[in-house]
N, C-alpha and C. Protein backbone atom coordinates (compact mmCIF):
# COMPACT_ATOMS: atom_id res chain seq x y z
N MET A 1 64.00 97.72 129.76
CA MET A 1 63.47 98.34 131.13
C MET A 1 62.48 96.77 131.44
N LYS A 2 62.61 96.79 132.46
CA LYS A 2 62.06 96.14 133.08
C LYS A 2 60.36 96.72 133.82
N ASP A 3 58.93 96.19 133.13
CA ASP A 3 58.09 97.52 132.96
C ASP A 3 57.16 96.47 134.23
N SER A 4 56.62 96.94 135.55
CA SER A 4 55.68 95.85 135.92
C SER A 4 54.89 96.22 135.90
N GLY A 5 54.55 97.38 134.68
CA GLY A 5 53.04 97.68 134.65
C GLY A 5 52.37 98.41 135.65
N ASN A 6 51.05 98.63 135.72
CA ASN A 6 50.57 99.95 137.12
C ASN A 6 50.13 99.16 138.29
N SER A 7 51.04 98.17 138.60
CA SER A 7 50.73 96.88 139.79
C SER A 7 51.61 97.32 140.70
N PHE A 8 52.56 98.41 140.39
CA PHE A 8 54.40 98.76 140.90
C PHE A 8 53.64 99.67 141.99
N HIS A 9 53.19 99.07 143.36
CA HIS A 9 52.85 100.00 144.35
C HIS A 9 53.91 100.15 145.06
N ALA A 10 53.48 100.25 146.80
CA ALA A 10 54.66 100.81 147.74
C ALA A 10 55.00 99.24 147.62
N ARG A 11 54.41 98.02 147.93
CA ARG A 11 55.09 96.68 148.84
C ARG A 11 56.36 96.32 147.15
N HIS A 12 55.54 96.45 146.27
CA HIS A 12 56.59 96.02 145.07
C HIS A 12 57.61 97.33 145.14
N LEU A 13 57.90 98.64 145.21
CA LEU A 13 58.66 99.45 145.43
C LEU A 13 59.74 98.79 146.44
N LYS A 14 59.72 98.21 147.53
CA LYS A 14 60.26 98.00 148.86
C LYS A 14 60.31 96.59 148.42
N ARG A 15 59.65 95.47 148.00
CA ARG A 15 60.38 94.24 147.38
C ARG A 15 61.89 94.58 146.51
N ALA A 16 61.70 95.75 145.15
CA ALA A 16 62.87 95.59 143.83
C ALA A 16 63.77 96.29 145.32
N LEU A 17 63.64 97.53 145.56
CA LEU A 17 64.69 97.92 146.35
C LEU A 17 65.82 96.59 147.70
N ASP A 18 65.04 96.24 147.95
CA ASP A 18 65.45 94.73 148.66
C ASP A 18 66.30 93.49 148.31
N TYR A 19 65.80 93.73 146.87
CA TYR A 19 66.06 92.35 146.06
C TYR A 19 67.26 92.99 145.66
N VAL A 20 67.16 94.30 144.84
CA VAL A 20 68.48 94.50 143.91
C VAL A 20 69.83 94.99 144.62
N MET A 21 69.25 95.27 145.84
CA MET A 21 70.31 95.41 147.62
C MET A 21 70.97 94.24 147.98
N ASN A 22 70.69 92.87 147.55
CA ASN A 22 70.89 91.91 148.37
C ASN A 22 72.44 91.94 148.59
N PRO A 23 73.51 92.09 149.22
CA PRO A 23 74.18 91.72 149.64
C PRO A 23 75.35 90.83 148.77
N GLU A 24 74.65 89.60 148.26
CA GLU A 24 74.81 88.33 147.80
C GLU A 24 75.17 88.12 146.09
N LYS A 25 74.25 89.41 145.75
CA LYS A 25 74.55 89.54 144.58
C LYS A 25 75.42 91.26 143.76
N THR A 26 75.65 91.88 145.31
CA THR A 26 76.67 92.65 145.17
C THR A 26 77.99 93.28 145.43
N GLN A 27 78.24 92.29 145.58
CA GLN A 27 79.84 91.93 146.42
C GLN A 27 79.82 92.43 148.40
N GLY A 28 78.59 92.43 148.71
CA GLY A 28 78.66 92.06 150.15
C GLY A 28 77.87 93.91 149.59
N GLY A 29 77.19 94.37 149.30
CA GLY A 29 76.50 95.64 149.48
C GLY A 29 78.11 97.14 148.54
N ARG A 30 78.86 96.38 148.76
CA ARG A 30 80.17 97.41 147.99
C ARG A 30 79.37 98.00 146.25
N LEU A 31 78.43 97.09 145.85
CA LEU A 31 78.19 97.60 144.20
C LEU A 31 77.04 98.21 144.53
N VAL A 32 76.49 99.19 145.38
CA VAL A 32 75.26 100.10 145.75
C VAL A 32 76.02 100.88 145.77
N GLY A 33 74.61 102.09 144.86
CA GLY A 33 74.93 103.32 144.81
C GLY A 33 73.40 104.03 145.06
N ALA A 34 73.71 105.63 144.97
CA ALA A 34 72.46 106.08 145.18
C ALA A 34 72.55 107.67 144.67
N ILE A 35 71.51 107.80 144.21
CA ILE A 35 71.69 109.24 143.34
C ILE A 35 70.19 110.35 144.38
N ASN A 36 70.27 111.13 145.20
CA ASN A 36 68.93 112.09 145.52
C ASN A 36 68.71 111.77 146.85
N CYS A 37 69.09 110.23 147.23
CA CYS A 37 68.82 109.71 148.38
C CYS A 37 70.27 108.88 149.06
N GLN A 38 69.37 108.17 150.51
CA GLN A 38 71.00 107.50 150.79
C GLN A 38 70.20 106.12 150.36
N ALA A 39 70.89 105.22 149.77
CA ALA A 39 70.91 103.63 149.70
C ALA A 39 70.30 102.95 150.16
N ASP A 40 70.46 102.76 151.68
CA ASP A 40 69.72 102.04 153.08
C ASP A 40 68.42 102.87 153.90
N MET A 41 68.36 103.84 153.16
CA MET A 41 66.82 105.02 153.39
C MET A 41 65.92 105.13 152.56
N ALA A 42 66.78 104.67 151.03
CA ALA A 42 65.69 105.13 149.64
C ALA A 42 63.94 104.76 149.97
N PHE A 43 63.79 103.63 150.53
CA PHE A 43 62.37 103.36 150.35
C PHE A 43 61.51 103.88 151.18
N GLU A 44 61.82 104.86 152.73
CA GLU A 44 61.37 105.91 152.94
C GLU A 44 61.82 107.24 152.88
N GLN A 45 62.78 107.76 151.94
CA GLN A 45 62.71 108.66 151.58
C GLN A 45 61.83 109.03 150.10
N MET A 46 61.81 107.60 149.58
CA MET A 46 60.61 107.80 148.37
C MET A 46 59.65 108.17 149.17
N MET A 47 59.09 107.53 150.21
CA MET A 47 57.66 107.17 150.17
C MET A 47 57.67 108.60 150.89
N ASP A 48 58.80 109.40 151.83
CA ASP A 48 58.09 110.88 152.12
C ASP A 48 57.69 111.88 150.91
N THR A 49 58.62 111.83 149.54
CA THR A 49 58.90 112.70 148.69
C THR A 49 56.50 112.32 148.49
N LYS A 50 56.45 111.17 148.09
CA LYS A 50 55.23 110.95 147.81
C LYS A 50 54.30 111.74 148.61
N LYS A 51 54.06 111.36 149.91
CA LYS A 51 53.68 112.00 150.98
C LYS A 51 53.57 113.17 150.62
N GLN A 52 54.54 113.66 150.63
CA GLN A 52 54.40 115.37 150.28
C GLN A 52 54.29 115.51 149.04
N PHE A 53 53.63 114.93 148.68
CA PHE A 53 53.16 115.83 147.57
C PHE A 53 52.02 114.83 147.35
N GLY A 54 51.38 114.36 147.72
CA GLY A 54 50.39 114.03 147.71
C GLY A 54 49.92 112.40 146.43
N LYS A 55 51.02 112.03 146.70
CA LYS A 55 51.14 111.18 145.68
C LYS A 55 51.56 109.30 145.71
N THR A 56 50.79 108.98 146.93
CA THR A 56 51.07 107.87 147.36
C THR A 56 50.13 106.77 146.45
N ASP A 57 49.22 106.97 145.71
CA ASP A 57 48.33 105.63 144.92
C ASP A 57 49.12 105.97 144.02
N LYS A 58 48.46 104.79 142.52
CA LYS A 58 48.86 104.10 141.71
C LYS A 58 50.70 103.52 141.80
N ARG A 59 51.11 103.85 140.68
CA ARG A 59 52.68 103.80 140.63
C ARG A 59 53.75 104.16 141.22
N GLN A 60 54.59 103.35 142.03
CA GLN A 60 54.78 104.34 143.03
C GLN A 60 56.66 103.81 142.43
N GLY A 61 56.89 103.57 141.80
CA GLY A 61 58.39 103.29 141.24
C GLY A 61 58.85 102.17 139.73
N TYR A 62 59.96 102.75 139.20
CA TYR A 62 60.27 101.97 138.02
C TYR A 62 61.26 101.01 138.04
N HIS A 63 61.65 100.02 137.53
CA HIS A 63 62.64 99.68 137.41
C HIS A 63 63.25 99.26 136.03
N ILE A 64 64.38 99.56 135.77
CA ILE A 64 65.21 99.41 134.56
C ILE A 64 66.73 98.62 134.88
N ILE A 65 67.05 97.57 133.81
CA ILE A 65 67.99 96.74 133.86
C ILE A 65 68.72 97.02 132.16
N LEU A 66 69.81 97.35 132.66
CA LEU A 66 70.77 97.47 132.07
C LEU A 66 72.12 96.23 131.48
N SER A 67 71.87 95.53 130.43
CA SER A 67 72.56 94.39 130.73
C SER A 67 74.63 94.33 129.94
N PHE A 68 74.80 94.12 130.23
CA PHE A 68 75.85 94.36 129.61
C PHE A 68 76.79 92.49 129.07
N LYS A 69 77.53 92.78 127.37
CA LYS A 69 77.75 91.47 126.93
C LYS A 69 78.69 90.56 127.47
N GLU A 70 78.27 89.85 127.66
CA GLU A 70 79.17 88.55 128.91
C GLU A 70 80.86 88.60 128.48
N ASP A 71 81.30 88.52 130.04
CA ASP A 71 82.83 88.82 130.23
C ASP A 71 83.64 90.14 128.90
N GLU A 72 82.60 91.34 128.98
CA GLU A 72 82.71 92.22 128.15
C GLU A 72 83.32 93.52 129.23
N VAL A 73 82.63 93.29 130.49
CA VAL A 73 82.84 94.77 131.59
C VAL A 73 82.64 93.55 132.83
N GLU A 74 84.20 94.79 134.15
CA GLU A 74 84.29 94.47 134.83
C GLU A 74 83.24 94.78 136.03
N PRO A 75 82.36 94.25 137.32
CA PRO A 75 81.31 94.38 137.61
C PRO A 75 81.60 96.32 137.95
N ASP A 76 83.42 96.65 138.77
CA ASP A 76 83.46 98.04 138.92
C ASP A 76 82.93 99.21 137.57
N ARG A 77 83.27 98.71 136.29
CA ARG A 77 83.24 99.54 134.93
C ARG A 77 81.79 99.43 134.89
N ALA A 78 81.00 98.15 134.92
CA ALA A 78 79.77 98.37 135.00
C ALA A 78 78.95 99.50 136.40
N PHE A 79 79.16 99.80 136.63
CA PHE A 79 79.25 100.56 137.94
C PHE A 79 79.43 101.99 137.60
N GLU A 80 80.46 101.89 137.16
CA GLU A 80 80.51 103.66 136.69
C GLU A 80 79.77 103.86 135.64
N ILE A 81 79.55 103.29 134.64
CA ILE A 81 78.65 103.37 133.46
C ILE A 81 77.42 103.47 133.77
N THR A 82 77.34 102.58 135.70
CA THR A 82 75.36 102.86 135.38
C THR A 82 75.35 104.32 136.33
N GLN A 83 76.37 104.48 136.90
CA GLN A 83 76.06 105.54 137.93
C GLN A 83 75.90 107.44 136.73
N LYS A 84 76.33 106.62 135.71
CA LYS A 84 76.85 108.29 135.00
C LYS A 84 75.51 107.70 134.06
N PHE A 85 74.78 107.02 133.48
CA PHE A 85 73.33 106.21 133.57
C PHE A 85 72.48 107.25 133.82
N VAL A 86 72.41 107.12 135.59
CA VAL A 86 71.38 107.60 136.21
C VAL A 86 71.46 108.91 136.57
N ALA A 87 72.90 109.42 136.70
CA ALA A 87 73.17 111.28 136.44
C ALA A 87 72.33 111.60 135.05
N GLU A 88 72.63 110.84 134.19
CA GLU A 88 72.44 111.70 133.16
C GLU A 88 70.87 111.45 132.61
N TYR A 89 70.27 110.46 133.16
CA TYR A 89 68.65 109.83 132.76
C TYR A 89 67.85 110.65 133.71
N LEU A 90 68.26 110.82 134.78
CA LEU A 90 67.02 110.86 136.11
C LEU A 90 68.00 112.28 136.57
N GLY A 91 68.86 112.69 136.65
CA GLY A 91 69.56 113.73 136.67
C GLY A 91 68.94 114.35 138.51
N ASP A 92 68.73 115.88 138.55
CA ASP A 92 68.71 115.68 140.12
C ASP A 92 67.07 115.91 139.95
N ALA A 93 66.09 114.93 139.31
CA ALA A 93 64.73 115.00 139.69
C ALA A 93 64.03 113.73 140.53
N TYR A 94 64.90 112.55 140.74
CA TYR A 94 64.07 111.34 141.28
C TYR A 94 65.16 110.97 141.95
N GLU A 95 64.77 110.52 142.94
CA GLU A 95 65.06 109.41 144.42
C GLU A 95 65.26 108.33 143.38
N ALA A 96 67.32 107.53 143.62
CA ALA A 96 67.12 106.55 142.79
C ALA A 96 68.37 105.63 143.59
N VAL A 97 68.37 104.28 143.69
CA VAL A 97 69.37 103.36 143.69
C VAL A 97 70.06 101.97 142.49
N PHE A 98 71.04 102.13 142.32
CA PHE A 98 71.43 101.60 141.10
C PHE A 98 72.45 100.30 141.69
N VAL A 99 72.16 99.39 141.74
CA VAL A 99 73.70 98.10 141.55
C VAL A 99 73.69 97.69 140.46
N VAL A 100 75.14 96.83 140.82
CA VAL A 100 75.44 95.81 139.57
C VAL A 100 75.85 94.48 140.25
N HIS A 101 75.23 93.54 139.79
CA HIS A 101 75.28 91.91 139.75
C HIS A 101 75.69 91.42 139.12
N ASP A 102 76.71 90.69 139.87
CA ASP A 102 77.64 89.95 139.23
C ASP A 102 77.46 88.33 139.19
N ASN A 103 76.49 87.95 139.73
CA ASN A 103 76.05 86.61 140.44
C ASN A 103 75.66 85.89 138.78
N THR A 104 75.48 86.69 138.01
CA THR A 104 75.37 85.20 136.84
C THR A 104 76.42 85.37 135.83
N ASP A 105 76.03 84.80 134.38
CA ASP A 105 76.97 84.62 133.81
C ASP A 105 77.01 85.97 132.93
N HIS A 106 76.53 86.70 132.89
CA HIS A 106 76.63 88.14 132.52
C HIS A 106 76.83 89.28 133.68
N VAL A 107 77.17 90.47 133.49
CA VAL A 107 76.94 91.47 134.05
C VAL A 107 76.13 92.26 134.31
N HIS A 108 75.27 93.04 135.08
CA HIS A 108 74.00 93.66 134.89
C HIS A 108 73.83 94.59 135.78
N SER A 109 73.59 95.83 135.27
CA SER A 109 72.87 96.64 136.31
C SER A 109 71.12 96.44 136.72
N HIS A 110 71.13 97.15 137.93
CA HIS A 110 69.50 97.28 138.14
C HIS A 110 69.13 98.69 138.42
N ILE A 111 68.28 99.75 137.99
CA ILE A 111 68.44 101.32 138.65
C ILE A 111 66.46 100.95 139.07
N VAL A 112 66.23 101.22 139.81
CA VAL A 112 65.08 101.03 140.98
C VAL A 112 64.61 102.64 141.20
N PHE A 113 63.62 103.39 140.56
CA PHE A 113 63.77 105.04 141.30
C PHE A 113 62.14 104.98 140.97
N ASN A 114 62.33 106.32 142.13
CA ASN A 114 60.76 106.97 142.47
C ASN A 114 60.14 107.30 141.38
N SER A 115 59.31 107.04 141.20
CA SER A 115 57.77 107.55 140.35
C SER A 115 57.36 108.85 140.54
N VAL A 116 58.01 109.53 141.80
CA VAL A 116 57.33 111.39 142.22
C VAL A 116 58.77 111.82 142.23
N SER A 117 58.77 112.56 141.64
CA SER A 117 59.92 113.86 141.78
C SER A 117 60.39 114.49 142.87
N PHE A 118 61.16 114.84 143.62
CA PHE A 118 61.60 115.06 144.40
C PHE A 118 61.54 116.90 144.56
N VAL A 119 61.42 117.21 143.72
CA VAL A 119 61.49 118.96 142.91
C VAL A 119 60.53 119.16 142.54
N ASP A 120 59.41 118.41 141.80
CA ASP A 120 58.38 119.10 141.45
C ASP A 120 56.82 118.42 142.18
N GLY A 121 57.07 117.16 142.38
CA GLY A 121 56.10 116.71 142.42
C GLY A 121 55.29 115.77 141.02
N LYS A 122 55.86 116.10 139.92
CA LYS A 122 55.16 115.41 139.21
C LYS A 122 55.73 113.79 138.39
N LYS A 123 55.24 113.17 138.51
CA LYS A 123 55.16 111.84 138.16
C LYS A 123 55.71 111.24 136.99
N TYR A 124 57.17 110.42 136.68
CA TYR A 124 57.54 110.00 135.74
C TYR A 124 56.51 109.63 135.12
N ARG A 125 57.13 109.35 133.83
CA ARG A 125 55.60 108.77 132.57
C ARG A 125 56.80 108.31 131.22
N TYR A 126 56.71 106.94 132.30
CA TYR A 126 57.45 106.08 130.50
C TYR A 126 56.31 105.36 129.27
N GLU A 127 56.85 106.01 128.52
CA GLU A 127 55.90 105.85 126.98
C GLU A 127 56.41 104.52 126.45
N LYS A 128 55.57 103.61 124.94
CA LYS A 128 56.04 103.29 123.94
C LYS A 128 56.83 103.80 123.44
N GLY A 129 58.23 103.30 123.50
CA GLY A 129 59.11 104.02 122.35
C GLY A 129 60.57 104.46 123.35
N ASP A 130 59.83 105.35 124.17
CA ASP A 130 61.10 105.81 125.08
C ASP A 130 62.26 105.43 125.43
N TRP A 131 62.51 103.83 125.57
CA TRP A 131 63.51 103.40 125.71
C TRP A 131 64.27 103.45 124.52
N ALA A 132 63.86 103.43 122.71
CA ALA A 132 64.56 104.28 121.56
C ALA A 132 65.17 105.72 121.70
N LYS A 133 64.15 106.27 122.23
CA LYS A 133 64.06 107.60 121.92
C LYS A 133 65.10 108.01 122.98
N TYR A 134 65.06 107.46 124.08
CA TYR A 134 65.79 108.28 125.47
C TYR A 134 66.85 107.75 125.69
N ILE A 135 66.48 106.56 126.26
CA ILE A 135 67.37 105.59 127.28
C ILE A 135 68.97 105.28 126.57
N GLN A 136 67.69 104.39 125.45
CA GLN A 136 69.23 103.60 124.68
C GLN A 136 70.27 104.36 123.55
N PRO A 137 70.00 105.93 123.60
CA PRO A 137 71.47 106.23 123.37
C PRO A 137 72.13 107.13 124.39
N ILE A 138 71.44 107.24 125.34
CA ILE A 138 72.12 107.15 126.34
C ILE A 138 73.18 106.90 126.87
N THR A 139 72.68 105.01 126.73
CA THR A 139 73.75 103.59 127.08
C THR A 139 74.26 103.10 126.19
N ASN A 140 74.22 103.75 124.97
CA ASN A 140 74.91 103.56 123.61
C ASN A 140 76.22 104.56 123.66
N LYS A 141 75.86 105.82 123.76
CA LYS A 141 76.79 106.59 124.07
C LYS A 141 78.07 106.47 125.43
N LEU A 142 77.25 106.30 125.95
CA LEU A 142 78.46 106.44 127.53
C LEU A 142 78.71 104.01 127.27
N CYS A 143 78.58 103.71 126.69
CA CYS A 143 79.10 102.57 126.11
C CYS A 143 80.54 102.54 125.45
N GLN A 144 80.00 103.03 124.20
CA GLN A 144 80.90 104.07 123.45
C GLN A 144 82.08 104.30 124.10
N GLU A 145 81.85 105.34 124.93
CA GLU A 145 83.08 105.90 125.61
C GLU A 145 83.85 104.46 126.64
N TYR A 146 83.42 103.83 126.64
CA TYR A 146 84.23 102.53 127.49
C TYR A 146 84.62 101.76 126.31
N GLY A 147 84.26 101.85 124.93
CA GLY A 147 84.79 100.88 124.07
C GLY A 147 83.99 99.52 124.31
N LEU A 148 83.00 99.48 124.39
CA LEU A 148 82.44 98.37 124.70
C LEU A 148 80.54 98.54 123.76
N SER A 149 80.36 97.25 124.23
CA SER A 149 79.05 96.98 122.46
C SER A 149 78.07 98.02 122.90
N ILE A 150 77.69 98.36 121.89
CA ILE A 150 76.40 99.24 121.34
C ILE A 150 75.03 98.19 121.28
N ILE A 151 73.94 98.78 121.31
CA ILE A 151 72.93 98.36 120.98
C ILE A 151 72.54 99.31 119.23
N ASP A 152 71.84 98.34 118.18
CA ASP A 152 71.35 99.28 117.10
C ASP A 152 70.07 100.00 117.42
N VAL A 153 69.56 100.88 118.01
CA VAL A 153 68.60 101.21 118.19
C VAL A 153 67.31 101.21 117.43
N GLU A 154 68.02 101.75 115.90
CA GLU A 154 66.48 100.74 115.38
C GLU A 154 65.99 99.97 114.90
N ASP A 155 66.99 98.70 115.64
CA ASP A 155 66.24 97.29 114.99
C ASP A 155 66.67 96.56 116.54
N GLY A 156 66.69 97.29 117.75
CA GLY A 156 67.51 96.63 119.03
C GLY A 156 68.30 95.73 118.54
N SER A 157 69.51 95.39 117.96
CA SER A 157 70.34 94.39 117.93
C SER A 157 71.52 94.98 118.12
N LYS A 158 72.19 93.72 118.31
CA LYS A 158 74.06 94.54 119.19
C LYS A 158 74.28 94.23 117.47
N GLU A 159 74.98 95.86 117.18
CA GLU A 159 75.47 96.10 115.63
C GLU A 159 76.70 96.10 116.41
N LYS A 160 77.87 97.22 116.93
CA LYS A 160 78.86 97.10 116.93
C LYS A 160 79.90 96.82 118.59
N GLN A 161 80.95 96.66 118.63
CA GLN A 161 81.68 96.86 118.83
C GLN A 161 82.95 97.79 119.03
N HIS A 162 83.04 98.24 119.94
CA HIS A 162 84.52 99.84 120.10
C HIS A 162 85.45 98.97 120.97
């Protein structure tokens, strides 16, 4: 998970969304998706949620990066996996944009999501150890379903290929 600390203010949220949705990195925008919002209106919708619940201060968003082993997955398959991850991890509580970048040596995905739930106004909390406890098990399960390499949750190393 890319963690920008507590300085992830509204302008950083906007920049992160603009960066991840760059058409040059997402096959002209084809590899851009969203859950609980519209990708092209995500920033405005996220800010509306924050205003509705009076939570326009402090951290405004989160940015997760999922990287796949080089030459192991095609962009469309990575997009499908990322979409399933976002649906399972963030469910029906947070607005999120997810994309796949295929402009580097390895396909990777970005997920930028609102720090405030549109359901109840509660702020998302990420604490040390949450990656191994909550995020990695979901990514490993999905990668196993698609026959891709997984990460050993115990030591963080790439352990198996399926």
